[in-house]
Amino acid sequence: MALRINDIVPNLELVTDQGTFNLHDWIGDSWAILFSHPKDFTPVCTTEFGAVAQLAAEWEKRGTKVIGLSVDGVEEHKEWKCDIEKFAGATASFPIIADESLEVSKALDMLPADAYLPDGRTAADSASVRVVFIISPDKKLQLSMTYPMSVGRNFAEVLRALDALQASYGVPIAMPANWQVGEDVIVALSLNDEQAKEKFGEVDIKLPYLRTTKMPSK
């Protein structure tokens, strides 16, 4: 069964280059981003891991932990990080899951249950292990993105989506297309006009079902 938004992510035991731990324990009370890759020492993946490393201060500012996943082993991850850091000019301080058995990838519905890695495998053998999960502190999946082999992820969009999720978490608002932090937000339809004005103050009623207001302060 597919892992869907608002599902609690499985509390998997993770073997990483920074030790072995359970996913829920690692998340703790933080937000978390899990981003997966088909293989170490591959070009697009190296640029993506580098982009994540360069955003370390942004993840910390948002109380968010990041963890990578690749189907190679711990020692290969450690060696690959040298290349990542050389390319990015930044420290890759986040852990990388060593998913050699595909157990984590299958449990998180990244691959078919009968998938396996042949001897002499290439990145193409695990091409579908290429997703982004954003997980809230209650261990629920809040967002997922899946990318093909040929398209590097835009981590500015991952950051924007994280901002939107955190701003709307437990608050009756939604974000319009292309929203950026500080811009107006949409009032949820669960509030009538009177309730919306009582909660948010000024409300701009553009259509009966489309009402905007200033982004609430945290």
N, C-alpha and C. Protein backbone atom coordinates (compact mmCIF):
# COMPACT_ATOMS: atom_id res chain seq x y z
N MET A 1 0.85 -1.20 0.00
CA MET A 1 0.00 0.00 0.00
C MET A 1 0.88 1.24 0.00
N ALA A 2 0.52 2.24 -0.80
CA ALA A 2 1.31 3.44 -0.93
C ALA A 2 1.34 4.23 0.38
N LEU A 3 2.44 4.91 0.62
CA LEU A 3 2.56 5.83 1.74
C LEU A 3 1.91 7.14 1.33
N ARG A 4 0.87 7.53 2.05
CA ARG A 4 0.09 8.70 1.66
C ARG A 4 0.27 9.84 2.65
N ILE A 5 -0.08 11.03 2.19
CA ILE A 5 -0.02 12.20 3.07
C ILE A 5 -0.89 11.96 4.29
N ASN A 6 -0.35 12.32 5.45
CA ASN A 6 -0.96 12.15 6.78
C ASN A 6 -0.80 10.74 7.34
N ASP A 7 -0.20 9.82 6.58
CA ASP A 7 0.18 8.53 7.16
C ASP A 7 1.36 8.73 8.10
N ILE A 8 1.39 7.98 9.19
CA ILE A 8 2.57 7.95 10.04
C ILE A 8 3.65 7.13 9.34
N VAL A 9 4.83 7.69 9.18
CA VAL A 9 5.89 6.97 8.48
C VAL A 9 6.36 5.81 9.35
N PRO A 10 6.73 4.69 8.76
CA PRO A 10 7.18 3.54 9.55
C PRO A 10 8.40 3.88 10.40
N ASN A 11 8.42 3.33 11.59
CA ASN A 11 9.56 3.58 12.50
C ASN A 11 10.66 2.57 12.19
N LEU A 12 11.36 2.82 11.11
CA LEU A 12 12.36 1.88 10.60
C LEU A 12 13.69 2.02 11.34
N GLU A 13 14.41 0.90 11.42
CA GLU A 13 15.78 0.96 11.92
C GLU A 13 16.68 1.34 10.75
N LEU A 14 17.46 2.40 10.93
CA LEU A 14 18.27 2.94 9.84
C LEU A 14 19.75 2.74 10.13
N VAL A 15 20.44 2.14 9.18
CA VAL A 15 21.90 2.03 9.24
C VAL A 15 22.45 3.19 8.41
N THR A 16 23.25 4.04 9.02
CA THR A 16 23.76 5.22 8.33
C THR A 16 25.26 5.37 8.56
N ASP A 17 25.85 6.32 7.88
CA ASP A 17 27.27 6.61 8.07
C ASP A 17 27.54 7.27 9.42
N GLN A 18 26.47 7.61 10.16
CA GLN A 18 26.61 8.21 11.49
C GLN A 18 26.03 7.30 12.57
N GLY A 19 25.94 6.00 12.28
CA GLY A 19 25.45 5.05 13.27
C GLY A 19 24.09 4.50 12.92
N THR A 20 23.57 3.63 13.79
CA THR A 20 22.28 2.98 13.58
C THR A 20 21.27 3.53 14.59
N PHE A 21 20.08 3.88 14.12
CA PHE A 21 19.05 4.43 15.00
C PHE A 21 17.69 4.24 14.35
N ASN A 22 16.62 4.42 15.14
CA ASN A 22 15.26 4.34 14.64
C ASN A 22 14.83 5.69 14.07
N LEU A 23 14.04 5.66 13.01
CA LEU A 23 13.64 6.89 12.34
C LEU A 23 12.89 7.82 13.28
N HIS A 24 11.93 7.31 14.04
CA HIS A 24 11.14 8.18 14.92
C HIS A 24 12.01 8.81 16.00
N ASP A 25 12.95 8.05 16.54
CA ASP A 25 13.85 8.61 17.56
C ASP A 25 14.69 9.72 16.96
N TRP A 26 15.14 9.52 15.73
CA TRP A 26 15.97 10.52 15.08
C TRP A 26 15.18 11.80 14.81
N ILE A 27 13.93 11.67 14.38
CA ILE A 27 13.10 12.85 14.13
C ILE A 27 12.87 13.61 15.42
N GLY A 28 12.54 12.91 16.49
CA GLY A 28 12.28 13.57 17.76
C GLY A 28 11.12 14.53 17.65
N ASP A 29 11.32 15.78 18.10
CA ASP A 29 10.29 16.81 18.03
C ASP A 29 10.51 17.77 16.87
N SER A 30 11.33 17.37 15.91
CA SER A 30 11.67 18.24 14.79
C SER A 30 10.84 17.92 13.56
N TRP A 31 10.90 18.81 12.59
CA TRP A 31 10.49 18.47 11.24
C TRP A 31 11.65 17.70 10.61
N ALA A 32 11.36 16.94 9.58
CA ALA A 32 12.41 16.14 8.95
C ALA A 32 12.19 16.06 7.45
N ILE A 33 13.30 16.00 6.73
CA ILE A 33 13.28 15.79 5.29
C ILE A 33 14.13 14.58 4.97
N LEU A 34 13.54 13.61 4.29
CA LEU A 34 14.27 12.44 3.82
C LEU A 34 14.32 12.52 2.30
N PHE A 35 15.52 12.52 1.75
CA PHE A 35 15.67 12.60 0.30
C PHE A 35 16.53 11.44 -0.16
N SER A 36 16.07 10.74 -1.17
CA SER A 36 16.71 9.49 -1.55
C SER A 36 17.32 9.56 -2.94
N HIS A 37 18.30 8.67 -3.17
CA HIS A 37 19.07 8.67 -4.41
C HIS A 37 19.36 7.23 -4.83
N PRO A 38 19.56 7.00 -6.13
CA PRO A 38 19.75 5.63 -6.61
C PRO A 38 21.14 5.06 -6.40
N LYS A 39 22.16 5.93 -6.23
CA LYS A 39 23.51 5.36 -6.12
C LYS A 39 24.51 6.46 -5.74
N ASP A 40 25.56 6.06 -5.01
CA ASP A 40 26.65 6.98 -4.71
C ASP A 40 27.50 7.23 -5.96
N PHE A 41 28.28 8.29 -5.91
CA PHE A 41 29.23 8.61 -6.99
C PHE A 41 28.54 8.76 -8.34
N THR A 42 27.37 9.40 -8.35
CA THR A 42 26.66 9.69 -9.59
C THR A 42 26.52 11.21 -9.70
N PRO A 43 26.49 11.75 -10.93
CA PRO A 43 26.63 13.20 -11.08
C PRO A 43 25.48 14.04 -10.55
N VAL A 44 24.23 13.72 -10.94
CA VAL A 44 23.10 14.54 -10.50
C VAL A 44 22.97 14.47 -8.98
N CYS A 45 23.12 13.27 -8.43
CA CYS A 45 22.98 13.08 -6.98
C CYS A 45 24.03 13.88 -6.21
N THR A 46 25.24 13.95 -6.75
CA THR A 46 26.30 14.71 -6.08
C THR A 46 25.93 16.19 -6.01
N THR A 47 25.36 16.71 -7.09
CA THR A 47 24.95 18.12 -7.06
C THR A 47 23.81 18.34 -6.07
N GLU A 48 22.92 17.36 -5.96
CA GLU A 48 21.78 17.51 -5.04
C GLU A 48 22.23 17.43 -3.58
N PHE A 49 23.07 16.46 -3.26
CA PHE A 49 23.58 16.38 -1.90
C PHE A 49 24.36 17.64 -1.55
N GLY A 50 25.08 18.17 -2.54
CA GLY A 50 25.80 19.42 -2.32
C GLY A 50 24.86 20.57 -2.02
N ALA A 51 23.74 20.63 -2.74
CA ALA A 51 22.76 21.69 -2.50
C ALA A 51 22.18 21.61 -1.09
N VAL A 52 21.93 20.39 -0.62
CA VAL A 52 21.40 20.20 0.73
C VAL A 52 22.45 20.65 1.76
N ALA A 53 23.71 20.32 1.53
CA ALA A 53 24.78 20.73 2.44
C ALA A 53 24.88 22.25 2.51
N GLN A 54 24.75 22.91 1.39
CA GLN A 54 24.85 24.37 1.36
C GLN A 54 23.71 25.06 2.11
N LEU A 55 22.60 24.36 2.29
CA LEU A 55 21.43 24.93 2.96
C LEU A 55 21.38 24.58 4.45
N ALA A 56 22.48 24.14 5.02
CA ALA A 56 22.48 23.69 6.42
C ALA A 56 21.90 24.73 7.37
N ALA A 57 22.28 25.98 7.19
CA ALA A 57 21.79 27.04 8.09
C ALA A 57 20.28 27.24 7.93
N GLU A 58 19.77 27.06 6.71
CA GLU A 58 18.33 27.22 6.48
C GLU A 58 17.54 26.10 7.13
N TRP A 59 18.03 24.86 7.06
CA TRP A 59 17.34 23.76 7.73
C TRP A 59 17.31 23.99 9.23
N GLU A 60 18.45 24.41 9.78
CA GLU A 60 18.54 24.64 11.23
C GLU A 60 17.59 25.75 11.67
N LYS A 61 17.52 26.81 10.88
CA LYS A 61 16.64 27.93 11.19
C LYS A 61 15.19 27.49 11.29
N ARG A 62 14.83 26.47 10.55
CA ARG A 62 13.45 25.98 10.50
C ARG A 62 13.23 24.76 11.40
N GLY A 63 14.20 24.45 12.24
CA GLY A 63 14.06 23.31 13.15
C GLY A 63 13.86 22.01 12.42
N THR A 64 14.59 21.83 11.32
CA THR A 64 14.37 20.68 10.45
C THR A 64 15.65 19.86 10.30
N LYS A 65 15.51 18.55 10.47
CA LYS A 65 16.63 17.63 10.26
C LYS A 65 16.54 17.08 8.84
N VAL A 66 17.68 16.82 8.23
CA VAL A 66 17.68 16.22 6.89
C VAL A 66 18.48 14.93 6.93
N ILE A 67 18.03 13.97 6.13
CA ILE A 67 18.72 12.68 6.05
C ILE A 67 18.63 12.18 4.61
N GLY A 68 19.75 11.72 4.07
CA GLY A 68 19.78 11.17 2.73
C GLY A 68 19.62 9.67 2.75
N LEU A 69 19.39 9.11 1.59
CA LEU A 69 19.33 7.66 1.43
C LEU A 69 19.95 7.30 0.09
N SER A 70 20.79 6.27 0.09
CA SER A 70 21.33 5.72 -1.14
C SER A 70 21.49 4.22 -0.94
N VAL A 71 21.55 3.48 -2.02
CA VAL A 71 21.54 2.02 -1.91
C VAL A 71 22.93 1.42 -1.72
N ASP A 72 23.94 2.25 -1.55
CA ASP A 72 25.28 1.74 -1.30
C ASP A 72 25.55 1.67 0.21
N GLY A 73 26.77 1.21 0.56
CA GLY A 73 27.09 0.96 1.96
C GLY A 73 27.68 2.14 2.70
N VAL A 74 27.86 1.95 3.99
CA VAL A 74 28.34 3.02 4.87
C VAL A 74 29.71 3.55 4.43
N GLU A 75 30.64 2.68 4.13
CA GLU A 75 31.98 3.13 3.75
C GLU A 75 31.95 3.91 2.44
N GLU A 76 31.11 3.48 1.51
CA GLU A 76 30.97 4.22 0.26
C GLU A 76 30.37 5.60 0.51
N HIS A 77 29.40 5.67 1.43
CA HIS A 77 28.82 6.97 1.78
C HIS A 77 29.89 7.92 2.31
N LYS A 78 30.74 7.40 3.18
CA LYS A 78 31.78 8.25 3.77
C LYS A 78 32.74 8.77 2.70
N GLU A 79 33.10 7.90 1.77
CA GLU A 79 33.99 8.31 0.69
C GLU A 79 33.31 9.32 -0.24
N TRP A 80 32.04 9.06 -0.53
CA TRP A 80 31.29 9.95 -1.42
C TRP A 80 31.15 11.34 -0.83
N LYS A 81 31.00 11.43 0.49
CA LYS A 81 30.85 12.73 1.13
C LYS A 81 32.06 13.63 0.85
N CYS A 82 33.22 13.05 0.69
CA CYS A 82 34.41 13.86 0.35
C CYS A 82 34.20 14.55 -0.99
N ASP A 83 33.65 13.83 -1.96
CA ASP A 83 33.36 14.43 -3.26
C ASP A 83 32.27 15.50 -3.15
N ILE A 84 31.23 15.19 -2.38
CA ILE A 84 30.12 16.13 -2.20
C ILE A 84 30.63 17.44 -1.62
N GLU A 85 31.44 17.33 -0.58
CA GLU A 85 31.94 18.53 0.09
C GLU A 85 32.91 19.31 -0.79
N LYS A 86 33.69 18.60 -1.56
CA LYS A 86 34.61 19.25 -2.49
C LYS A 86 33.83 20.02 -3.55
N PHE A 87 32.79 19.42 -4.08
CA PHE A 87 31.98 20.06 -5.10
C PHE A 87 31.20 21.25 -4.54
N ALA A 88 30.60 21.07 -3.36
CA ALA A 88 29.69 22.08 -2.82
C ALA A 88 30.40 23.18 -2.03
N GLY A 89 31.60 22.89 -1.55
CA GLY A 89 32.27 23.86 -0.69
C GLY A 89 31.55 24.01 0.64
N ALA A 90 30.92 22.94 1.09
CA ALA A 90 30.15 22.95 2.34
C ALA A 90 30.22 21.57 2.97
N THR A 91 30.08 21.52 4.29
CA THR A 91 30.14 20.26 5.02
C THR A 91 28.82 19.51 4.91
N ALA A 92 28.89 18.26 4.52
CA ALA A 92 27.69 17.41 4.47
C ALA A 92 27.53 16.71 5.82
N SER A 93 26.97 17.43 6.78
CA SER A 93 26.91 16.93 8.16
C SER A 93 25.74 16.02 8.43
N PHE A 94 24.83 15.87 7.48
CA PHE A 94 23.64 15.04 7.67
C PHE A 94 23.98 13.56 7.44
N PRO A 95 23.25 12.65 8.06
CA PRO A 95 23.49 11.22 7.84
C PRO A 95 22.95 10.75 6.49
N ILE A 96 23.53 9.67 5.99
CA ILE A 96 23.04 9.03 4.77
C ILE A 96 22.72 7.57 5.10
N ILE A 97 21.49 7.16 4.83
CA ILE A 97 21.07 5.79 5.07
C ILE A 97 21.73 4.86 4.06
N ALA A 98 22.26 3.74 4.55
CA ALA A 98 22.85 2.72 3.68
C ALA A 98 21.78 1.65 3.44
N ASP A 99 21.05 1.78 2.35
CA ASP A 99 19.91 0.90 2.08
C ASP A 99 20.29 -0.19 1.08
N GLU A 100 21.32 -0.95 1.42
CA GLU A 100 21.83 -1.97 0.49
C GLU A 100 20.81 -3.08 0.21
N SER A 101 19.96 -3.35 1.19
CA SER A 101 18.96 -4.42 1.01
C SER A 101 17.66 -3.91 0.39
N LEU A 102 17.54 -2.60 0.20
CA LEU A 102 16.33 -1.94 -0.30
C LEU A 102 15.18 -2.00 0.70
N GLU A 103 15.46 -2.43 1.93
CA GLU A 103 14.40 -2.57 2.93
C GLU A 103 13.70 -1.25 3.21
N VAL A 104 14.47 -0.18 3.36
CA VAL A 104 13.88 1.13 3.65
C VAL A 104 13.12 1.65 2.44
N SER A 105 13.72 1.51 1.26
CA SER A 105 13.08 2.00 0.04
C SER A 105 11.74 1.32 -0.21
N LYS A 106 11.67 0.02 0.06
CA LYS A 106 10.42 -0.70 -0.13
C LYS A 106 9.40 -0.34 0.94
N ALA A 107 9.84 -0.19 2.18
CA ALA A 107 8.93 0.15 3.27
C ALA A 107 8.31 1.53 3.07
N LEU A 108 9.05 2.42 2.43
CA LEU A 108 8.56 3.77 2.16
C LEU A 108 7.94 3.89 0.77
N ASP A 109 7.71 2.75 0.12
CA ASP A 109 7.02 2.67 -1.16
C ASP A 109 7.74 3.42 -2.27
N MET A 110 9.06 3.32 -2.27
CA MET A 110 9.84 3.92 -3.35
C MET A 110 10.07 2.93 -4.48
N LEU A 111 9.92 1.65 -4.19
CA LEU A 111 10.22 0.60 -5.15
C LEU A 111 9.19 -0.52 -5.06
N PRO A 112 9.02 -1.29 -6.13
CA PRO A 112 8.15 -2.47 -6.04
C PRO A 112 8.69 -3.46 -5.01
N ALA A 113 7.81 -4.24 -4.42
CA ALA A 113 8.21 -5.20 -3.39
C ALA A 113 9.20 -6.23 -3.91
N ASP A 114 9.14 -6.54 -5.22
CA ASP A 114 10.03 -7.57 -5.76
C ASP A 114 11.31 -6.99 -6.36
N ALA A 115 11.55 -5.70 -6.16
CA ALA A 115 12.77 -5.09 -6.70
C ALA A 115 14.00 -5.64 -5.99
N TYR A 116 15.10 -5.73 -6.70
CA TYR A 116 16.36 -6.17 -6.11
C TYR A 116 17.49 -5.49 -6.86
N LEU A 117 18.69 -5.55 -6.29
CA LEU A 117 19.85 -4.94 -6.93
C LEU A 117 20.77 -6.04 -7.44
N PRO A 118 20.98 -6.11 -8.73
CA PRO A 118 21.85 -7.15 -9.30
C PRO A 118 23.32 -6.84 -9.06
N ASP A 119 24.16 -7.83 -9.18
CA ASP A 119 25.60 -7.60 -9.14
C ASP A 119 25.98 -6.66 -10.27
N GLY A 120 26.95 -5.79 -10.01
CA GLY A 120 27.36 -4.84 -11.03
C GLY A 120 26.29 -3.81 -11.34
N ARG A 121 25.44 -3.53 -10.37
CA ARG A 121 24.31 -2.63 -10.58
C ARG A 121 24.77 -1.22 -10.97
N THR A 122 23.89 -0.53 -11.64
CA THR A 122 24.09 0.88 -11.97
C THR A 122 22.95 1.67 -11.35
N ALA A 123 23.03 2.99 -11.46
CA ALA A 123 21.96 3.83 -10.90
C ALA A 123 20.61 3.51 -11.54
N ALA A 124 20.62 3.08 -12.79
CA ALA A 124 19.37 2.77 -13.48
C ALA A 124 18.61 1.61 -12.83
N ASP A 125 19.33 0.73 -12.11
CA ASP A 125 18.67 -0.40 -11.47
C ASP A 125 17.82 0.02 -10.28
N SER A 126 18.07 1.19 -9.74
CA SER A 126 17.26 1.68 -8.61
C SER A 126 16.77 3.09 -8.90
N ALA A 127 16.41 3.32 -10.14
CA ALA A 127 16.06 4.67 -10.61
C ALA A 127 14.91 5.29 -9.83
N SER A 128 13.97 4.47 -9.38
CA SER A 128 12.81 5.05 -8.70
C SER A 128 13.08 5.44 -7.26
N VAL A 129 14.29 5.13 -6.77
CA VAL A 129 14.64 5.58 -5.42
C VAL A 129 15.09 7.04 -5.53
N ARG A 130 14.15 7.92 -5.77
CA ARG A 130 14.50 9.33 -5.97
C ARG A 130 13.33 10.20 -5.56
N VAL A 131 13.14 10.34 -4.26
CA VAL A 131 11.99 11.07 -3.74
C VAL A 131 12.43 12.05 -2.66
N VAL A 132 11.50 12.94 -2.33
CA VAL A 132 11.65 13.83 -1.17
C VAL A 132 10.42 13.62 -0.29
N PHE A 133 10.63 13.36 0.97
CA PHE A 133 9.55 13.31 1.95
C PHE A 133 9.77 14.43 2.96
N ILE A 134 8.72 15.18 3.27
CA ILE A 134 8.75 16.13 4.39
C ILE A 134 7.83 15.56 5.46
N ILE A 135 8.37 15.41 6.66
CA ILE A 135 7.68 14.74 7.77
C ILE A 135 7.56 15.72 8.93
N SER A 136 6.37 15.81 9.51
CA SER A 136 6.13 16.72 10.63
C SER A 136 6.53 16.08 11.96
N PRO A 137 6.60 16.86 13.03
CA PRO A 137 7.03 16.33 14.32
C PRO A 137 6.17 15.19 14.86
N ASP A 138 4.92 15.09 14.39
CA ASP A 138 4.06 13.97 14.82
C ASP A 138 4.31 12.72 13.99
N LYS A 139 5.39 12.75 13.20
CA LYS A 139 5.85 11.60 12.39
C LYS A 139 4.94 11.29 11.20
N LYS A 140 4.13 12.27 10.78
CA LYS A 140 3.24 12.08 9.64
C LYS A 140 3.85 12.66 8.38
N LEU A 141 3.64 11.96 7.27
CA LEU A 141 4.09 12.46 5.98
C LEU A 141 3.25 13.66 5.58
N GLN A 142 3.90 14.77 5.31
CA GLN A 142 3.19 16.00 4.93
C GLN A 142 3.30 16.31 3.45
N LEU A 143 4.35 15.83 2.80
CA LEU A 143 4.55 16.13 1.38
C LEU A 143 5.50 15.10 0.79
N SER A 144 5.27 14.74 -0.47
CA SER A 144 6.21 13.86 -1.17
C SER A 144 6.38 14.35 -2.60
N MET A 145 7.58 14.22 -3.11
CA MET A 145 7.90 14.58 -4.49
C MET A 145 8.71 13.43 -5.07
N THR A 146 8.45 13.10 -6.33
CA THR A 146 9.20 12.05 -7.01
C THR A 146 9.76 12.62 -8.30
N TYR A 147 11.05 12.39 -8.52
CA TYR A 147 11.74 12.94 -9.69
C TYR A 147 12.33 11.82 -10.54
N PRO A 148 12.45 12.06 -11.85
CA PRO A 148 13.12 11.09 -12.72
C PRO A 148 14.64 11.24 -12.61
N MET A 149 15.35 10.31 -13.22
CA MET A 149 16.80 10.32 -13.18
C MET A 149 17.43 11.56 -13.78
N SER A 150 16.78 12.12 -14.79
CA SER A 150 17.41 13.18 -15.58
C SER A 150 17.21 14.58 -15.04
N VAL A 151 16.40 14.74 -14.00
CA VAL A 151 16.06 16.08 -13.52
C VAL A 151 16.51 16.26 -12.07
N GLY A 152 17.47 17.15 -11.86
CA GLY A 152 17.91 17.45 -10.50
C GLY A 152 16.84 18.22 -9.75
N ARG A 153 16.71 17.94 -8.48
CA ARG A 153 15.68 18.59 -7.68
C ARG A 153 16.01 20.05 -7.39
N ASN A 154 14.98 20.84 -7.27
CA ASN A 154 15.12 22.26 -6.94
C ASN A 154 14.91 22.40 -5.43
N PHE A 155 15.99 22.51 -4.69
CA PHE A 155 15.86 22.55 -3.24
C PHE A 155 15.36 23.90 -2.73
N ALA A 156 15.37 24.92 -3.58
CA ALA A 156 14.69 26.16 -3.21
C ALA A 156 13.19 25.91 -3.11
N GLU A 157 12.65 25.04 -3.98
CA GLU A 157 11.23 24.68 -3.91
C GLU A 157 10.96 23.81 -2.69
N VAL A 158 11.87 22.91 -2.35
CA VAL A 158 11.70 22.10 -1.13
C VAL A 158 11.64 23.03 0.08
N LEU A 159 12.51 24.04 0.11
CA LEU A 159 12.53 25.00 1.20
C LEU A 159 11.23 25.80 1.25
N ARG A 160 10.75 26.23 0.08
CA ARG A 160 9.49 26.97 0.01
C ARG A 160 8.32 26.13 0.51
N ALA A 161 8.30 24.86 0.09
CA ALA A 161 7.23 23.96 0.53
C ALA A 161 7.29 23.74 2.04
N LEU A 162 8.50 23.61 2.57
CA LEU A 162 8.66 23.45 4.01
C LEU A 162 8.13 24.68 4.75
N ASP A 163 8.45 25.86 4.25
CA ASP A 163 7.94 27.09 4.87
C ASP A 163 6.41 27.11 4.87
N ALA A 164 5.82 26.70 3.75
CA ALA A 164 4.36 26.69 3.65
C ALA A 164 3.74 25.68 4.61
N LEU A 165 4.34 24.52 4.70
CA LEU A 165 3.83 23.50 5.61
C LEU A 165 3.93 23.94 7.07
N GLN A 166 5.05 24.53 7.43
CA GLN A 166 5.23 24.97 8.81
C GLN A 166 4.29 26.12 9.15
N ALA A 167 4.08 27.04 8.21
CA ALA A 167 3.20 28.18 8.46
C ALA A 167 1.74 27.76 8.60
N SER A 168 1.33 26.72 7.88
CA SER A 168 -0.07 26.28 7.89
C SER A 168 -0.32 25.13 8.86
N TYR A 169 0.70 24.66 9.54
CA TYR A 169 0.58 23.49 10.43
C TYR A 169 -0.30 23.85 11.63
N GLY A 170 -1.50 23.28 11.67
CA GLY A 170 -2.44 23.55 12.76
C GLY A 170 -3.13 24.90 12.67
N VAL A 171 -2.97 25.61 11.54
CA VAL A 171 -3.57 26.92 11.33
C VAL A 171 -4.50 26.83 10.12
N PRO A 172 -5.73 27.40 10.20
CA PRO A 172 -6.69 27.26 9.09
C PRO A 172 -6.38 28.18 7.90
N ILE A 173 -5.23 27.96 7.28
CA ILE A 173 -4.85 28.72 6.10
C ILE A 173 -4.26 27.77 5.07
N ALA A 174 -4.15 28.26 3.84
CA ALA A 174 -3.48 27.53 2.77
C ALA A 174 -2.68 28.55 1.96
N MET A 175 -1.76 28.05 1.15
CA MET A 175 -0.91 28.95 0.38
C MET A 175 -1.28 28.88 -1.10
N PRO A 176 -1.37 30.06 -1.75
CA PRO A 176 -1.69 30.08 -3.17
C PRO A 176 -0.50 29.67 -4.03
N ALA A 177 -0.72 29.56 -5.32
CA ALA A 177 0.35 29.22 -6.25
C ALA A 177 1.49 30.22 -6.15
N ASN A 178 2.70 29.72 -6.19
CA ASN A 178 3.92 30.53 -6.21
C ASN A 178 4.13 31.35 -4.93
N TRP A 179 3.45 30.97 -3.86
CA TRP A 179 3.56 31.71 -2.59
C TRP A 179 4.99 31.73 -2.07
N GLN A 180 5.35 32.87 -1.49
CA GLN A 180 6.63 33.01 -0.80
C GLN A 180 6.38 33.57 0.60
N VAL A 181 7.29 33.31 1.51
CA VAL A 181 7.15 33.78 2.89
C VAL A 181 6.90 35.29 2.91
N GLY A 182 5.90 35.71 3.69
CA GLY A 182 5.56 37.13 3.81
C GLY A 182 4.40 37.55 2.95
N GLU A 183 4.08 36.75 1.94
CA GLU A 183 2.96 37.09 1.06
C GLU A 183 1.63 36.66 1.70
N ASP A 184 0.53 37.20 1.17
CA ASP A 184 -0.79 36.87 1.70
C ASP A 184 -1.08 35.38 1.55
N VAL A 185 -1.93 34.89 2.44
CA VAL A 185 -2.31 33.48 2.45
C VAL A 185 -3.82 33.37 2.25
N ILE A 186 -4.27 32.15 1.97
CA ILE A 186 -5.68 31.89 1.74
C ILE A 186 -6.33 31.40 3.04
N VAL A 187 -7.51 31.96 3.33
CA VAL A 187 -8.26 31.54 4.51
C VAL A 187 -8.97 30.22 4.21
N ALA A 188 -8.87 29.28 5.12
CA ALA A 188 -9.50 27.97 4.91
C ALA A 188 -11.02 28.09 4.86
N LEU A 189 -11.63 27.22 4.07
CA LEU A 189 -13.07 27.23 3.92
C LEU A 189 -13.79 26.73 5.17
N SER A 190 -13.03 26.20 6.13
CA SER A 190 -13.65 25.76 7.39
C SER A 190 -14.13 26.93 8.24
N LEU A 191 -13.68 28.15 7.91
CA LEU A 191 -14.12 29.35 8.61
C LEU A 191 -15.08 30.14 7.73
N ASN A 192 -16.20 30.61 8.30
CA ASN A 192 -17.05 31.53 7.54
C ASN A 192 -16.44 32.93 7.60
N ASP A 193 -17.03 33.87 6.91
CA ASP A 193 -16.44 35.21 6.82
C ASP A 193 -16.27 35.85 8.20
N GLU A 194 -17.29 35.72 9.04
CA GLU A 194 -17.24 36.32 10.37
C GLU A 194 -16.13 35.69 11.21
N GLN A 195 -16.03 34.38 11.17
CA GLN A 195 -14.98 33.69 11.92
C GLN A 195 -13.59 34.05 11.40
N ALA A 196 -13.48 34.19 10.09
CA ALA A 196 -12.20 34.55 9.48
C ALA A 196 -11.75 35.92 9.94
N LYS A 197 -12.67 36.89 9.95
CA LYS A 197 -12.32 38.24 10.37
C LYS A 197 -11.99 38.29 11.87
N GLU A 198 -12.70 37.49 12.65
CA GLU A 198 -12.43 37.44 14.08
C GLU A 198 -11.05 36.87 14.35
N LYS A 199 -10.63 35.88 13.56
CA LYS A 199 -9.35 35.22 13.79
C LYS A 199 -8.18 35.99 13.18
N PHE A 200 -8.38 36.51 11.98
CA PHE A 200 -7.25 37.09 11.25
C PHE A 200 -7.32 38.61 11.09
N GLY A 201 -8.45 39.23 11.42
CA GLY A 201 -8.58 40.67 11.20
C GLY A 201 -9.07 40.95 9.79
N GLU A 202 -8.32 41.72 9.04
CA GLU A 202 -8.73 42.09 7.69
C GLU A 202 -8.68 40.88 6.75
N VAL A 203 -9.77 40.68 6.03
CA VAL A 203 -9.87 39.58 5.07
C VAL A 203 -10.32 40.15 3.73
N ASP A 204 -9.61 39.81 2.68
CA ASP A 204 -9.94 40.27 1.33
C ASP A 204 -10.74 39.16 0.64
N ILE A 205 -12.02 39.43 0.41
CA ILE A 205 -12.91 38.44 -0.21
C ILE A 205 -12.86 38.63 -1.73
N LYS A 206 -12.04 37.87 -2.40
CA LYS A 206 -11.89 37.97 -3.85
C LYS A 206 -13.00 37.23 -4.58
N LEU A 207 -13.39 36.09 -4.05
CA LEU A 207 -14.50 35.28 -4.52
C LEU A 207 -15.13 34.67 -3.27
N PRO A 208 -16.37 34.22 -3.34
CA PRO A 208 -16.98 33.64 -2.14
C PRO A 208 -16.15 32.52 -1.52
N TYR A 209 -15.39 31.81 -2.35
CA TYR A 209 -14.59 30.68 -1.85
C TYR A 209 -13.10 30.98 -1.85
N LEU A 210 -12.70 32.23 -2.19
CA LEU A 210 -11.29 32.60 -2.24
C LEU A 210 -11.09 33.90 -1.46
N ARG A 211 -10.61 33.73 -0.23
CA ARG A 211 -10.41 34.86 0.66
C ARG A 211 -8.96 34.87 1.12
N THR A 212 -8.34 36.02 1.10
CA THR A 212 -6.94 36.10 1.52
C THR A 212 -6.79 37.02 2.73
N THR A 213 -5.67 36.82 3.41
CA THR A 213 -5.35 37.65 4.57
C THR A 213 -3.83 37.70 4.70
N LYS A 214 -3.35 38.61 5.55
CA LYS A 214 -1.92 38.68 5.79
C LYS A 214 -1.44 37.40 6.46
N MET A 215 -0.23 37.03 6.17
CA MET A 215 0.33 35.83 6.79
C MET A 215 0.38 35.99 8.30
N PRO A 216 -0.27 35.10 9.06
CA PRO A 216 -0.27 35.23 10.52
C PRO A 216 1.13 35.11 11.08
N SER A 217 1.38 35.85 12.14
CA SER A 217 2.69 35.72 12.82
C SER A 217 2.68 34.47 13.66
N LYS A 218 3.85 33.87 13.82
CA LYS A 218 3.94 32.62 14.60
C LYS A 218 3.82 32.91 16.08
